[in-house]
Amino acid sequence: MTKERVAQFKEERKSLNEIVMKYSTNKIKKFYSLDARIYKEETLPKKIKELIGLAASLVLRCDDCISYHLSQCYEHDVTDAELEETIAIALIIGGSITIPHIRRAFAFWDQLKNGTAHGV
């Protein structure tokens, strides 16, 4: 994912969320609200919640979700070792079908660490 693609991802996500909210009733808005609240720091630190979200996203093979959770992990100082262990858990749960998503996840992580993917 290039720096331009990262910026495009961020803008597209924001724009699409605005459209969803434009047409949504409380049914969808309540889900979005719950999603935002569930990742707030409580008993589990936000960092751990983002790692859990990343693992689930890998197993579900949602590239947008993977990118989002990786950027949140980066912002919450996840180490390479923590990331690798989380991805290994997702691989065990999800199986080899997750490997293409894992490749893209590590590539995106590498870009985050090298400063070419900030701002998601």
PDB file of N, CA and C in Angstrom:
ATOM      1  N   MET A   1       0.859  -1.171   0.000  1.00  0.00           N
ATOM      2  CA  MET A   1       0.000   0.000   0.000  1.00  0.00           C
ATOM      3  C   MET A   1       0.902   1.230   0.000  1.00  0.00           C
ATOM      4  N   THR A   2       0.763   2.064  -1.009  1.00  0.00           N
ATOM      5  CA  THR A   2       1.578   3.260  -1.103  1.00  0.00           C
ATOM      6  C   THR A   2       1.027   4.351  -0.185  1.00  0.00           C
ATOM      7  N   LYS A   3       1.837   5.382   0.000  1.00  0.00           N
ATOM      8  CA  LYS A   3       1.412   6.503   0.831  1.00  0.00           C
ATOM      9  C   LYS A   3       0.133   7.127   0.275  1.00  0.00           C
ATOM     10  N   GLU A   4       0.043   7.201  -1.047  1.00  0.00           N
ATOM     11  CA  GLU A   4      -1.155   7.751  -1.674  1.00  0.00           C
ATOM     12  C   GLU A   4      -2.368   6.865  -1.405  1.00  0.00           C
ATOM     13  N   ARG A   5      -2.157   5.545  -1.462  1.00  0.00           N
ATOM     14  CA  ARG A   5      -3.259   4.613  -1.202  1.00  0.00           C
ATOM     15  C   ARG A   5      -3.714   4.707   0.248  1.00  0.00           C
ATOM     16  N   VAL A   6      -2.785   4.926   1.155  1.00  0.00           N
ATOM     17  CA  VAL A   6      -3.133   5.075   2.570  1.00  0.00           C
ATOM     18  C   VAL A   6      -4.007   6.305   2.759  1.00  0.00           C
ATOM     19  N   ALA A   7      -3.600   7.409   2.147  1.00  0.00           N
ATOM     20  CA  ALA A   7      -4.395   8.641   2.242  1.00  0.00           C
ATOM     21  C   ALA A   7      -5.766   8.432   1.596  1.00  0.00           C
ATOM     22  N   GLN A   8      -5.789   7.726   0.470  1.00  0.00           N
ATOM     23  CA  GLN A   8      -7.051   7.432  -0.208  1.00  0.00           C
ATOM     24  C   GLN A   8      -7.939   6.561   0.683  1.00  0.00           C
ATOM     25  N   PHE A   9      -7.350   5.566   1.339  1.00  0.00           N
ATOM     26  CA  PHE A   9      -8.104   4.696   2.245  1.00  0.00           C
ATOM     27  C   PHE A   9      -8.741   5.515   3.356  1.00  0.00           C
ATOM     28  N   LYS A  10      -7.956   6.403   3.954  1.00  0.00           N
ATOM     29  CA  LYS A  10      -8.458   7.221   5.061  1.00  0.00           C
ATOM     30  C   LYS A  10      -9.611   8.108   4.599  1.00  0.00           C
ATOM     31  N   GLU A  11      -9.442   8.763   3.467  1.00  0.00           N
ATOM     32  CA  GLU A  11     -10.474   9.662   2.964  1.00  0.00           C
ATOM     33  C   GLU A  11     -11.720   8.887   2.538  1.00  0.00           C
ATOM     34  N   GLU A  12     -11.519   7.759   1.870  1.00  0.00           N
ATOM     35  CA  GLU A  12     -12.655   6.953   1.434  1.00  0.00           C
ATOM     36  C   GLU A  12     -13.447   6.430   2.631  1.00  0.00           C
ATOM     37  N   ARG A  13     -12.745   5.969   3.655  1.00  0.00           N
ATOM     38  CA  ARG A  13     -13.407   5.464   4.870  1.00  0.00           C
ATOM     39  C   ARG A  13     -14.253   6.566   5.513  1.00  0.00           C
ATOM     40  N   LYS A  14     -13.679   7.749   5.629  1.00  0.00           N
ATOM     41  CA  LYS A  14     -14.399   8.886   6.221  1.00  0.00           C
ATOM     42  C   LYS A  14     -15.620   9.245   5.377  1.00  0.00           C
ATOM     43  N   SER A  15     -15.434   9.350   4.081  1.00  0.00           N
ATOM     44  CA  SER A  15     -16.518   9.727   3.178  1.00  0.00           C
ATOM     45  C   SER A  15     -17.640   8.696   3.180  1.00  0.00           C
ATOM     46  N   LEU A  16     -17.269   7.425   3.130  1.00  0.00           N
ATOM     47  CA  LEU A  16     -18.293   6.378   3.132  1.00  0.00           C
ATOM     48  C   LEU A  16     -19.046   6.321   4.455  1.00  0.00           C
ATOM     49  N   ASN A  17     -18.337   6.546   5.561  1.00  0.00           N
ATOM     50  CA  ASN A  17     -19.021   6.588   6.857  1.00  0.00           C
ATOM     51  C   ASN A  17     -20.009   7.739   6.917  1.00  0.00           C
ATOM     52  N   GLU A  18     -19.653   8.875   6.333  1.00  0.00           N
ATOM     53  CA  GLU A  18     -20.573  10.018   6.304  1.00  0.00           C
ATOM     54  C   GLU A  18     -21.825   9.685   5.500  1.00  0.00           C
ATOM     55  N   ILE A  19     -21.657   8.986   4.385  1.00  0.00           N
ATOM     56  CA  ILE A  19     -22.813   8.589   3.574  1.00  0.00           C
ATOM     57  C   ILE A  19     -23.682   7.600   4.341  1.00  0.00           C
ATOM     58  N   VAL A  20     -23.058   6.644   4.999  1.00  0.00           N
ATOM     59  CA  VAL A  20     -23.819   5.686   5.805  1.00  0.00           C
ATOM     60  C   VAL A  20     -24.654   6.433   6.837  1.00  0.00           C
ATOM     61  N   MET A  21     -24.057   7.385   7.532  1.00  0.00           N
ATOM     62  CA  MET A  21     -24.783   8.137   8.567  1.00  0.00           C
ATOM     63  C   MET A  21     -25.904   8.971   7.967  1.00  0.00           C
ATOM     64  N   LYS A  22     -25.701   9.471   6.766  1.00  0.00           N
ATOM     65  CA  LYS A  22     -26.731  10.277   6.088  1.00  0.00           C
ATOM     66  C   LYS A  22     -28.013   9.477   5.892  1.00  0.00           C
ATOM     67  N   TYR A  23     -27.893   8.217   5.552  1.00  0.00           N
ATOM     68  CA  TYR A  23     -29.049   7.395   5.239  1.00  0.00           C
ATOM     69  C   TYR A  23     -29.494   6.483   6.375  1.00  0.00           C
ATOM     70  N   SER A  24     -28.788   6.505   7.468  1.00  0.00           N
ATOM     71  CA  SER A  24     -29.060   5.561   8.545  1.00  0.00           C
ATOM     72  C   SER A  24     -30.064   6.076   9.559  1.00  0.00           C
ATOM     73  N   THR A  25     -30.799   5.122  10.080  1.00  0.00           N
ATOM     74  CA  THR A  25     -31.648   5.388  11.227  1.00  0.00           C
ATOM     75  C   THR A  25     -30.859   4.939  12.460  1.00  0.00           C
ATOM     76  N   ASN A  26     -31.519   4.935  13.588  1.00  0.00           N
ATOM     77  CA  ASN A  26     -30.842   4.535  14.822  1.00  0.00           C
ATOM     78  C   ASN A  26     -30.356   3.092  14.799  1.00  0.00           C
ATOM     79  N   LYS A  27     -30.948   2.246  13.977  1.00  0.00           N
ATOM     80  CA  LYS A  27     -30.528   0.845  13.922  1.00  0.00           C
ATOM     81  C   LYS A  27     -29.046   0.736  13.588  1.00  0.00           C
ATOM     82  N   ILE A  28     -28.627   1.400  12.539  1.00  0.00           N
ATOM     83  CA  ILE A  28     -27.224   1.353  12.117  1.00  0.00           C
ATOM     84  C   ILE A  28     -26.371   2.262  12.995  1.00  0.00           C
ATOM     85  N   LYS A  29     -26.884   3.419  13.323  1.00  0.00           N
ATOM     86  CA  LYS A  29     -26.116   4.350  14.154  1.00  0.00           C
ATOM     87  C   LYS A  29     -25.782   3.755  15.513  1.00  0.00           C
ATOM     88  N   LYS A  30     -26.688   2.979  16.070  1.00  0.00           N
ATOM     89  CA  LYS A  30     -26.416   2.339  17.355  1.00  0.00           C
ATOM     90  C   LYS A  30     -25.280   1.329  17.238  1.00  0.00           C
ATOM     91  N   PHE A  31     -25.229   0.607  16.147  1.00  0.00           N
ATOM     92  CA  PHE A  31     -24.130  -0.340  15.942  1.00  0.00           C
ATOM     93  C   PHE A  31     -22.796   0.401  15.834  1.00  0.00           C
ATOM     94  N   TYR A  32     -22.771   1.463  15.049  1.00  0.00           N
ATOM     95  CA  TYR A  32     -21.548   2.261  14.910  1.00  0.00           C
ATOM     96  C   TYR A  32     -21.107   2.813  16.262  1.00  0.00           C
ATOM     97  N   SER A  33     -22.072   3.266  17.044  1.00  0.00           N
ATOM     98  CA  SER A  33     -21.769   3.801  18.372  1.00  0.00           C
ATOM     99  C   SER A  33     -21.190   2.721  19.282  1.00  0.00           C
ATOM    100  N   LEU A  34     -21.794   1.549  19.252  1.00  0.00           N
ATOM    101  CA  LEU A  34     -21.289   0.430  20.049  1.00  0.00           C
ATOM    102  C   LEU A  34     -19.875   0.071  19.628  1.00  0.00           C
ATOM    103  N   ASP A  35     -19.631   0.032  18.328  1.00  0.00           N
ATOM    104  CA  ASP A  35     -18.297  -0.274  17.814  1.00  0.00           C
ATOM    105  C   ASP A  35     -17.272   0.729  18.347  1.00  0.00           C
ATOM    106  N   ALA A  36     -17.602   1.988  18.319  1.00  0.00           N
ATOM    107  CA  ALA A  36     -16.676   3.019  18.814  1.00  0.00           C
ATOM    108  C   ALA A  36     -16.447   2.872  20.314  1.00  0.00           C
ATOM    109  N   ARG A  37     -17.508   2.604  21.056  1.00  0.00           N
ATOM    110  CA  ARG A  37     -17.388   2.475  22.517  1.00  0.00           C
ATOM    111  C   ARG A  37     -16.610   1.241  22.939  1.00  0.00           C
ATOM    112  N   ILE A  38     -16.762   0.155  22.209  1.00  0.00           N
ATOM    113  CA  ILE A  38     -16.154  -1.110  22.623  1.00  0.00           C
ATOM    114  C   ILE A  38     -14.625  -1.044  22.575  1.00  0.00           C
ATOM    115  N   TYR A  39     -14.082  -0.195  21.731  1.00  0.00           N
ATOM    116  CA  TYR A  39     -12.623  -0.089  21.614  1.00  0.00           C
ATOM    117  C   TYR A  39     -12.013   0.942  22.556  1.00  0.00           C
ATOM    118  N   LYS A  40     -12.832   1.604  23.362  1.00  0.00           N
ATOM    119  CA  LYS A  40     -12.287   2.559  24.337  1.00  0.00           C
ATOM    120  C   LYS A  40     -11.606   1.811  25.471  1.00  0.00           C
ATOM    121  N   GLU A  41     -10.630   2.463  26.053  1.00  0.00           N
ATOM    122  CA  GLU A  41      -9.882   1.874  27.171  1.00  0.00           C
ATOM    123  C   GLU A  41     -10.808   1.653  28.359  1.00  0.00           C
ATOM    124  N   GLU A  42     -10.841   0.431  28.836  1.00  0.00           N
ATOM    125  CA  GLU A  42     -11.598   0.084  30.040  1.00  0.00           C
ATOM    126  C   GLU A  42     -10.765  -0.942  30.795  1.00  0.00           C
ATOM    127  N   THR A  43     -11.328  -2.111  31.045  1.00  0.00           N
ATOM    128  CA  THR A  43     -10.580  -3.165  31.726  1.00  0.00           C
ATOM    129  C   THR A  43      -9.383  -3.586  30.886  1.00  0.00           C
ATOM    130  N   LEU A  44      -9.622  -3.792  29.596  1.00  0.00           N
ATOM    131  CA  LEU A  44      -8.519  -4.086  28.677  1.00  0.00           C
ATOM    132  C   LEU A  44      -7.981  -2.787  28.100  1.00  0.00           C
ATOM    133  N   PRO A  45      -6.670  -2.666  28.030  1.00  0.00           N
ATOM    134  CA  PRO A  45      -6.093  -1.477  27.392  1.00  0.00           C
ATOM    135  C   PRO A  45      -6.465  -1.426  25.907  1.00  0.00           C
ATOM    136  N   LYS A  46      -6.546  -0.227  25.357  1.00  0.00           N
ATOM    137  CA  LYS A  46      -6.896  -0.040  23.949  1.00  0.00           C
ATOM    138  C   LYS A  46      -5.960  -0.840  23.047  1.00  0.00           C
ATOM    139  N   LYS A  47      -4.694  -0.879  23.400  1.00  0.00           N
ATOM    140  CA  LYS A  47      -3.704  -1.620  22.613  1.00  0.00           C
ATOM    141  C   LYS A  47      -4.117  -3.090  22.457  1.00  0.00           C
ATOM    142  N   ILE A  48      -4.544  -3.706  23.531  1.00  0.00           N
ATOM    143  CA  ILE A  48      -4.954  -5.112  23.495  1.00  0.00           C
ATOM    144  C   ILE A  48      -6.227  -5.266  22.674  1.00  0.00           C
ATOM    145  N   LYS A  49      -7.159  -4.343  22.841  1.00  0.00           N
ATOM    146  CA  LYS A  49      -8.398  -4.397  22.073  1.00  0.00           C
ATOM    147  C   LYS A  49      -8.123  -4.294  20.582  1.00  0.00           C
ATOM    148  N   GLU A  50      -7.181  -3.457  20.193  1.00  0.00           N
ATOM    149  CA  GLU A  50      -6.846  -3.311  18.770  1.00  0.00           C
ATOM    150  C   GLU A  50      -6.175  -4.576  18.241  1.00  0.00           C
ATOM    151  N   LEU A  51      -5.350  -5.217  19.069  1.00  0.00           N
ATOM    152  CA  LEU A  51      -4.740  -6.483  18.650  1.00  0.00           C
ATOM    153  C   LEU A  51      -5.811  -7.562  18.472  1.00  0.00           C
ATOM    154  N   ILE A  52      -6.799  -7.591  19.355  1.00  0.00           N
ATOM    155  CA  ILE A  52      -7.910  -8.538  19.217  1.00  0.00           C
ATOM    156  C   ILE A  52      -8.689  -8.229  17.932  1.00  0.00           C
ATOM    157  N   GLY A  53      -8.964  -6.953  17.714  1.00  0.00           N
ATOM    158  CA  GLY A  53      -9.657  -6.543  16.490  1.00  0.00           C
ATOM    159  C   GLY A  53      -8.879  -6.933  15.245  1.00  0.00           C
ATOM    160  N   LEU A  54      -7.560  -6.793  15.304  1.00  0.00           N
ATOM    161  CA  LEU A  54      -6.711  -7.182  14.178  1.00  0.00           C
ATOM    162  C   LEU A  54      -6.813  -8.685  13.923  1.00  0.00           C
ATOM    163  N   ALA A  55      -6.714  -9.480  14.982  1.00  0.00           N
ATOM    164  CA  ALA A  55      -6.791 -10.934  14.820  1.00  0.00           C
ATOM    165  C   ALA A  55      -8.142 -11.335  14.209  1.00  0.00           C
ATOM    166  N   ALA A  56      -9.213 -10.758  14.723  1.00  0.00           N
ATOM    167  CA  ALA A  56     -10.536 -11.082  14.191  1.00  0.00           C
ATOM    168  C   ALA A  56     -10.653 -10.654  12.729  1.00  0.00           C
ATOM    169  N   SER A  57     -10.121  -9.503  12.402  1.00  0.00           N
ATOM    170  CA  SER A  57     -10.180  -9.005  11.027  1.00  0.00           C
ATOM    171  C   SER A  57      -9.393  -9.891  10.074  1.00  0.00           C
ATOM    172  N   LEU A  58      -8.253 -10.396  10.535  1.00  0.00           N
ATOM    173  CA  LEU A  58      -7.476 -11.324   9.709  1.00  0.00           C
ATOM    174  C   LEU A  58      -8.249 -12.611   9.468  1.00  0.00           C
ATOM    175  N   VAL A  59      -8.844 -13.153  10.518  1.00  0.00           N
ATOM    176  CA  VAL A  59      -9.613 -14.394  10.382  1.00  0.00           C
ATOM    177  C   VAL A  59     -10.809 -14.172   9.449  1.00  0.00           C
ATOM    178  N   LEU A  60     -11.444 -13.021   9.556  1.00  0.00           N
ATOM    179  CA  LEU A  60     -12.588 -12.707   8.698  1.00  0.00           C
ATOM    180  C   LEU A  60     -12.165 -12.228   7.310  1.00  0.00           C
ATOM    181  N   ARG A  61     -10.877 -11.951   7.132  1.00  0.00           N
ATOM    182  CA  ARG A  61     -10.278 -11.553   5.851  1.00  0.00           C
ATOM    183  C   ARG A  61     -10.858 -10.233   5.323  1.00  0.00           C
ATOM    184  N   CYS A  62     -10.949  -9.259   6.217  1.00  0.00           N
ATOM    185  CA  CYS A  62     -11.440  -7.925   5.850  1.00  0.00           C
ATOM    186  C   CYS A  62     -10.246  -6.975   5.746  1.00  0.00           C
ATOM    187  N   ASP A  63      -9.785  -6.720   4.531  1.00  0.00           N
ATOM    188  CA  ASP A  63      -8.589  -5.891   4.353  1.00  0.00           C
ATOM    189  C   ASP A  63      -8.743  -4.474   4.898  1.00  0.00           C
ATOM    190  N   ASP A  64      -9.919  -3.867   4.721  1.00  0.00           N
ATOM    191  CA  ASP A  64     -10.130  -2.526   5.274  1.00  0.00           C
ATOM    192  C   ASP A  64      -9.998  -2.544   6.795  1.00  0.00           C
ATOM    193  N   CYS A  65     -10.594  -3.548   7.419  1.00  0.00           N
ATOM    194  CA  CYS A  65     -10.522  -3.660   8.882  1.00  0.00           C
ATOM    195  C   CYS A  65      -9.091  -3.926   9.336  1.00  0.00           C
ATOM    196  N   ILE A  66      -8.384  -4.767   8.601  1.00  0.00           N
ATOM    197  CA  ILE A  66      -6.986  -5.062   8.930  1.00  0.00           C
ATOM    198  C   ILE A  66      -6.171  -3.785   8.899  1.00  0.00           C
ATOM    199  N   SER A  67      -6.312  -3.002   7.840  1.00  0.00           N
ATOM    200  CA  SER A  67      -5.556  -1.743   7.726  1.00  0.00           C
ATOM    201  C   SER A  67      -5.903  -0.794   8.863  1.00  0.00           C
ATOM    202  N   TYR A  68      -7.185  -0.683   9.169  1.00  0.00           N
ATOM    203  CA  TYR A  68      -7.598   0.205  10.251  1.00  0.00           C
ATOM    204  C   TYR A  68      -6.986  -0.234  11.579  1.00  0.00           C
ATOM    205  N   HIS A  69      -7.105  -1.510  11.915  1.00  0.00           N
ATOM    206  CA  HIS A  69      -6.579  -1.980  13.198  1.00  0.00           C
ATOM    207  C   HIS A  69      -5.054  -1.907  13.245  1.00  0.00           C
ATOM    208  N   LEU A  70      -4.397  -2.140  12.124  1.00  0.00           N
ATOM    209  CA  LEU A  70      -2.936  -1.984  12.103  1.00  0.00           C
ATOM    210  C   LEU A  70      -2.538  -0.545  12.401  1.00  0.00           C
ATOM    211  N   SER A  71      -3.244   0.401  11.816  1.00  0.00           N
ATOM    212  CA  SER A  71      -2.907   1.806  12.078  1.00  0.00           C
ATOM    213  C   SER A  71      -3.156   2.157  13.540  1.00  0.00           C
ATOM    214  N   GLN A  72      -4.219   1.601  14.124  1.00  0.00           N
ATOM    215  CA  GLN A  72      -4.486   1.833  15.539  1.00  0.00           C
ATOM    216  C   GLN A  72      -3.417   1.158  16.406  1.00  0.00           C
ATOM    217  N   CYS A  73      -3.001  -0.036  16.027  1.00  0.00           N
ATOM    218  CA  CYS A  73      -1.924  -0.722  16.756  1.00  0.00           C
ATOM    219  C   CYS A  73      -0.648   0.118  16.725  1.00  0.00           C
ATOM    220  N   TYR A  74      -0.348   0.656  15.564  1.00  0.00           N
ATOM    221  CA  TYR A  74       0.851   1.493  15.427  1.00  0.00           C
ATOM    222  C   TYR A  74       0.757   2.704  16.349  1.00  0.00           C
ATOM    223  N   GLU A  75      -0.393   3.342  16.371  1.00  0.00           N
ATOM    224  CA  GLU A  75      -0.585   4.526  17.216  1.00  0.00           C
ATOM    225  C   GLU A  75      -0.527   4.196  18.705  1.00  0.00           C
ATOM    226  N   HIS A  76      -0.758   2.944  19.055  1.00  0.00           N
ATOM    227  CA  HIS A  76      -0.737   2.543  20.465  1.00  0.00           C
ATOM    228  C   HIS A  76       0.518   1.734  20.803  1.00  0.00           C
ATOM    229  N   ASP A  77       1.565   1.958  20.020  1.00  0.00           N
ATOM    230  CA  ASP A  77       2.910   1.434  20.308  1.00  0.00           C
ATOM    231  C   ASP A  77       2.990  -0.082  20.416  1.00  0.00           C
ATOM    232  N   VAL A  78       2.250  -0.773  19.581  1.00  0.00           N
ATOM    233  CA  VAL A  78       2.391  -2.225  19.502  1.00  0.00           C
ATOM    234  C   VAL A  78       3.787  -2.538  18.972  1.00  0.00           C
ATOM    235  N   THR A  79       4.440  -3.498  19.574  1.00  0.00           N
ATOM    236  CA  THR A  79       5.780  -3.885  19.122  1.00  0.00           C
ATOM    237  C   THR A  79       5.670  -4.896  17.981  1.00  0.00           C
ATOM    238  N   ASP A  80       6.770  -5.076  17.272  1.00  0.00           N
ATOM    239  CA  ASP A  80       6.808  -6.078  16.208  1.00  0.00           C
ATOM    240  C   ASP A  80       6.496  -7.463  16.776  1.00  0.00           C
ATOM    241  N   ALA A  81       7.031  -7.761  17.949  1.00  0.00           N
ATOM    242  CA  ALA A  81       6.814  -9.071  18.564  1.00  0.00           C
ATOM    243  C   ALA A  81       5.346  -9.263  18.930  1.00  0.00           C
ATOM    244  N   GLU A  82       4.696  -8.231  19.469  1.00  0.00           N
ATOM    245  CA  GLU A  82       3.271  -8.328  19.806  1.00  0.00           C
ATOM    246  C   GLU A  82       2.440  -8.527  18.540  1.00  0.00           C
ATOM    247  N   LEU A  83       2.801  -7.796  17.495  1.00  0.00           N
ATOM    248  CA  LEU A  83       2.089  -7.922  16.232  1.00  0.00           C
ATOM    249  C   LEU A  83       2.246  -9.333  15.665  1.00  0.00           C
ATOM    250  N   GLU A  84       3.475  -9.831  15.657  1.00  0.00           N
ATOM    251  CA  GLU A  84       3.730 -11.160  15.090  1.00  0.00           C
ATOM    252  C   GLU A  84       2.990 -12.239  15.865  1.00  0.00           C
ATOM    253  N   GLU A  85       2.961 -12.133  17.175  1.00  0.00           N
ATOM    254  CA  GLU A  85       2.255 -13.127  17.985  1.00  0.00           C
ATOM    255  C   GLU A  85       0.752 -13.094  17.721  1.00  0.00           C
ATOM    256  N   THR A  86       0.202 -11.907  17.580  1.00  0.00           N
ATOM    257  CA  THR A  86      -1.222 -11.759  17.275  1.00  0.00           C
ATOM    258  C   THR A  86      -1.537 -12.344  15.900  1.00  0.00           C
ATOM    259  N   ILE A  87      -0.683 -12.060  14.933  1.00  0.00           N
ATOM    260  CA  ILE A  87      -0.896 -12.584  13.581  1.00  0.00           C
ATOM    261  C   ILE A  87      -0.768 -14.107  13.576  1.00  0.00           C
ATOM    262  N   ALA A  88       0.152 -14.646  14.374  1.00  0.00           N
ATOM    263  CA  ALA A  88       0.297 -16.103  14.466  1.00  0.00           C
ATOM    264  C   ALA A  88      -0.978 -16.739  15.020  1.00  0.00           C
ATOM    265  N   ILE A  89      -1.595 -16.102  16.005  1.00  0.00           N
ATOM    266  CA  ILE A  89      -2.862 -16.605  16.549  1.00  0.00           C
ATOM    267  C   ILE A  89      -3.938 -16.587  15.471  1.00  0.00           C
ATOM    268  N   ALA A  90      -4.013 -15.487  14.726  1.00  0.00           N
ATOM    269  CA  ALA A  90      -5.002 -15.395  13.648  1.00  0.00           C
ATOM    270  C   ALA A  90      -4.763 -16.472  12.594  1.00  0.00           C
ATOM    271  N   LEU A  91      -3.505 -16.757  12.298  1.00  0.00           N
ATOM    272  CA  LEU A  91      -3.179 -17.788  11.317  1.00  0.00           C
ATOM    273  C   LEU A  91      -3.631 -19.164  11.793  1.00  0.00           C
ATOM    274  N   ILE A  92      -3.410 -19.460  13.067  1.00  0.00           N
ATOM    275  CA  ILE A  92      -3.846 -20.746  13.617  1.00  0.00           C
ATOM    276  C   ILE A  92      -5.364 -20.872  13.569  1.00  0.00           C
ATOM    277  N   ILE A  93      -6.057 -19.796  13.916  1.00  0.00           N
ATOM    278  CA  ILE A  93      -7.524 -19.834  13.931  1.00  0.00           C
ATOM    279  C   ILE A  93      -8.082 -19.852  12.507  1.00  0.00           C
ATOM    280  N   GLY A  94      -7.536 -18.991  11.654  1.00  0.00           N
ATOM    281  CA  GLY A  94      -8.098 -18.825  10.314  1.00  0.00           C
ATOM    282  C   GLY A  94      -7.544 -19.765   9.265  1.00  0.00           C
ATOM    283  N   GLY A  95      -6.369 -20.317   9.508  1.00  0.00           N
ATOM    284  CA  GLY A  95      -5.769 -21.234   8.554  1.00  0.00           C
ATOM    285  C   GLY A  95      -5.050 -20.532   7.413  1.00  0.00           C
ATOM    286  N   SER A  96      -4.604 -21.335   6.475  1.00  0.00           N
ATOM    287  CA  SER A  96      -3.746 -20.822   5.397  1.00  0.00           C
ATOM    288  C   SER A  96      -4.459 -19.835   4.478  1.00  0.00           C
ATOM    289  N   ILE A  97      -5.796 -19.819   4.483  1.00  0.00           N
ATOM    290  CA  ILE A  97      -6.521 -18.871   3.645  1.00  0.00           C
ATOM    291  C   ILE A  97      -6.245 -17.420   4.066  1.00  0.00           C
ATOM    292  N   THR A  98      -5.758 -17.232   5.300  1.00  0.00           N
ATOM    293  CA  THR A  98      -5.442 -15.878   5.776  1.00  0.00           C
ATOM    294  C   THR A  98      -4.080 -15.385   5.294  1.00  0.00           C
ATOM    295  N   ILE A  99      -3.276 -16.263   4.714  1.00  0.00           N
ATOM    296  CA  ILE A  99      -1.896 -15.889   4.351  1.00  0.00           C
ATOM    297  C   ILE A  99      -1.820 -14.680   3.419  1.00  0.00           C
ATOM    298  N   PRO A 100      -2.642 -14.571   2.358  1.00  0.00           N
ATOM    299  CA  PRO A 100      -2.555 -13.355   1.529  1.00  0.00           C
ATOM    300  C   PRO A 100      -2.822 -12.076   2.325  1.00  0.00           C
ATOM    301  N   HIS A 101      -3.741 -12.154   3.280  1.00  0.00           N
ATOM    302  CA  HIS A 101      -4.067 -10.990   4.115  1.00  0.00           C
ATOM    303  C   HIS A 101      -2.924 -10.697   5.090  1.00  0.00           C
ATOM    304  N   ILE A 102      -2.280 -11.740   5.562  1.00  0.00           N
ATOM    305  CA  ILE A 102      -1.129 -11.574   6.453  1.00  0.00           C
ATOM    306  C   ILE A 102       0.018 -10.906   5.702  1.00  0.00           C
ATOM    307  N   ARG A 103       0.230 -11.304   4.462  1.00  0.00           N
ATOM    308  CA  ARG A 103       1.282 -10.662   3.650  1.00  0.00           C
ATOM    309  C   ARG A 103       1.028  -9.156   3.539  1.00  0.00           C
ATOM    310  N   ARG A 104      -0.212  -8.804   3.193  1.00  0.00           N
ATOM    311  CA  ARG A 104      -0.545  -7.383   3.057  1.00  0.00           C
ATOM    312  C   ARG A 104      -0.467  -6.665   4.404  1.00  0.00           C
ATOM    313  N   ALA A 105      -0.822  -7.366   5.478  1.00  0.00           N
ATOM    314  CA  ALA A 105      -0.750  -6.756   6.815  1.00  0.00           C
ATOM    315  C   ALA A 105       0.698  -6.412   7.168  1.00  0.00           C
ATOM    316  N   PHE A 106       1.610  -7.346   6.955  1.00  0.00           N
ATOM    317  CA  PHE A 106       3.017  -7.070   7.259  1.00  0.00           C
ATOM    318  C   PHE A 106       3.570  -5.970   6.352  1.00  0.00           C
ATOM    319  N   ALA A 107       3.148  -5.950   5.083  1.00  0.00           N
ATOM    320  CA  ALA A 107       3.606  -4.887   4.177  1.00  0.00           C
ATOM    321  C   ALA A 107       3.117  -3.525   4.665  1.00  0.00           C
ATOM    322  N   PHE A 108       1.858  -3.459   5.095  1.00  0.00           N
ATOM    323  CA  PHE A 108       1.307  -2.208   5.608  1.00  0.00           C
ATOM    324  C   PHE A 108       2.015  -1.802   6.898  1.00  0.00           C
ATOM    325  N   TRP A 109       2.270  -2.760   7.781  1.00  0.00           N
ATOM    326  CA  TRP A 109       2.993  -2.493   9.027  1.00  0.00           C
ATOM    327  C   TRP A 109       4.376  -1.925   8.723  1.00  0.00           C
ATOM    328  N   ASP A 110       5.042  -2.512   7.752  1.00  0.00           N
ATOM    329  CA  ASP A 110       6.368  -2.041   7.356  1.00  0.00           C
ATOM    330  C   ASP A 110       6.306  -0.596   6.876  1.00  0.00           C
ATOM    331  N   GLN A 111       5.280  -0.266   6.136  1.00  0.00           N
ATOM    332  CA  GLN A 111       5.119   1.113   5.677  1.00  0.00           C
ATOM    333  C   GLN A 111       4.808   2.054   6.834  1.00  0.00           C
ATOM    334  N   LEU A 112       3.993   1.608   7.770  1.00  0.00           N
ATOM    335  CA  LEU A 112       3.727   2.430   8.950  1.00  0.00           C
ATOM    336  C   LEU A 112       5.030   2.733   9.687  1.00  0.00           C
ATOM    337  N   LYS A 113       5.857   1.702   9.865  1.00  0.00           N
ATOM    338  CA  LYS A 113       7.108   1.868  10.612  1.00  0.00           C
ATOM    339  C   LYS A 113       8.134   2.706   9.862  1.00  0.00           C
ATOM    340  N   ASN A 114       8.069   2.680   8.539  1.00  0.00           N
ATOM    341  CA  ASN A 114       9.017   3.442   7.743  1.00  0.00           C
ATOM    342  C   ASN A 114       8.518   4.847   7.428  1.00  0.00           C
ATOM    343  N   GLY A 115       7.371   5.208   7.986  1.00  0.00           N
ATOM    344  CA  GLY A 115       6.864   6.567   7.810  1.00  0.00           C
ATOM    345  C   GLY A 115       6.206   6.819   6.480  1.00  0.00           C
ATOM    346  N   THR A 116       5.893   5.776   5.731  1.00  0.00           N
ATOM    347  CA  THR A 116       5.272   5.989   4.431  1.00  0.00           C
ATOM    348  C   THR A 116       3.782   5.732   4.455  1.00  0.00           C
ATOM    349  N   ALA A 117       3.229   5.440   5.622  1.00  0.00           N
ATOM    350  CA  ALA A 117       1.807   5.125   5.688  1.00  0.00           C
ATOM    351  C   ALA A 117       1.123   5.810   6.867  1.00  0.00           C
ATOM    352  N   HIS A 118       1.643   6.912   7.338  1.00  0.00           N
ATOM    353  CA  HIS A 118       1.010   7.607   8.471  1.00  0.00           C
ATOM    354  C   HIS A 118      -0.333   8.204   8.073  1.00  0.00           C
ATOM    355  N   GLY A 119      -1.193   8.306   9.043  1.00  0.00           N
ATOM    356  CA  GLY A 119      -2.418   9.062   8.853  1.00  0.00           C
ATOM    357  C   GLY A 119      -3.676   8.278   8.581  1.00  0.00           C
ATOM    358  N   VAL A 120      -3.626   6.954   8.663  1.00  0.00           N
ATOM    359  CA  VAL A 120      -4.868   6.197   8.421  1.00  0.00           C
ATOM    360  C   VAL A 120      -5.771   6.347   9.614  1.00  0.00           C
TER     361      VAL A 120
END
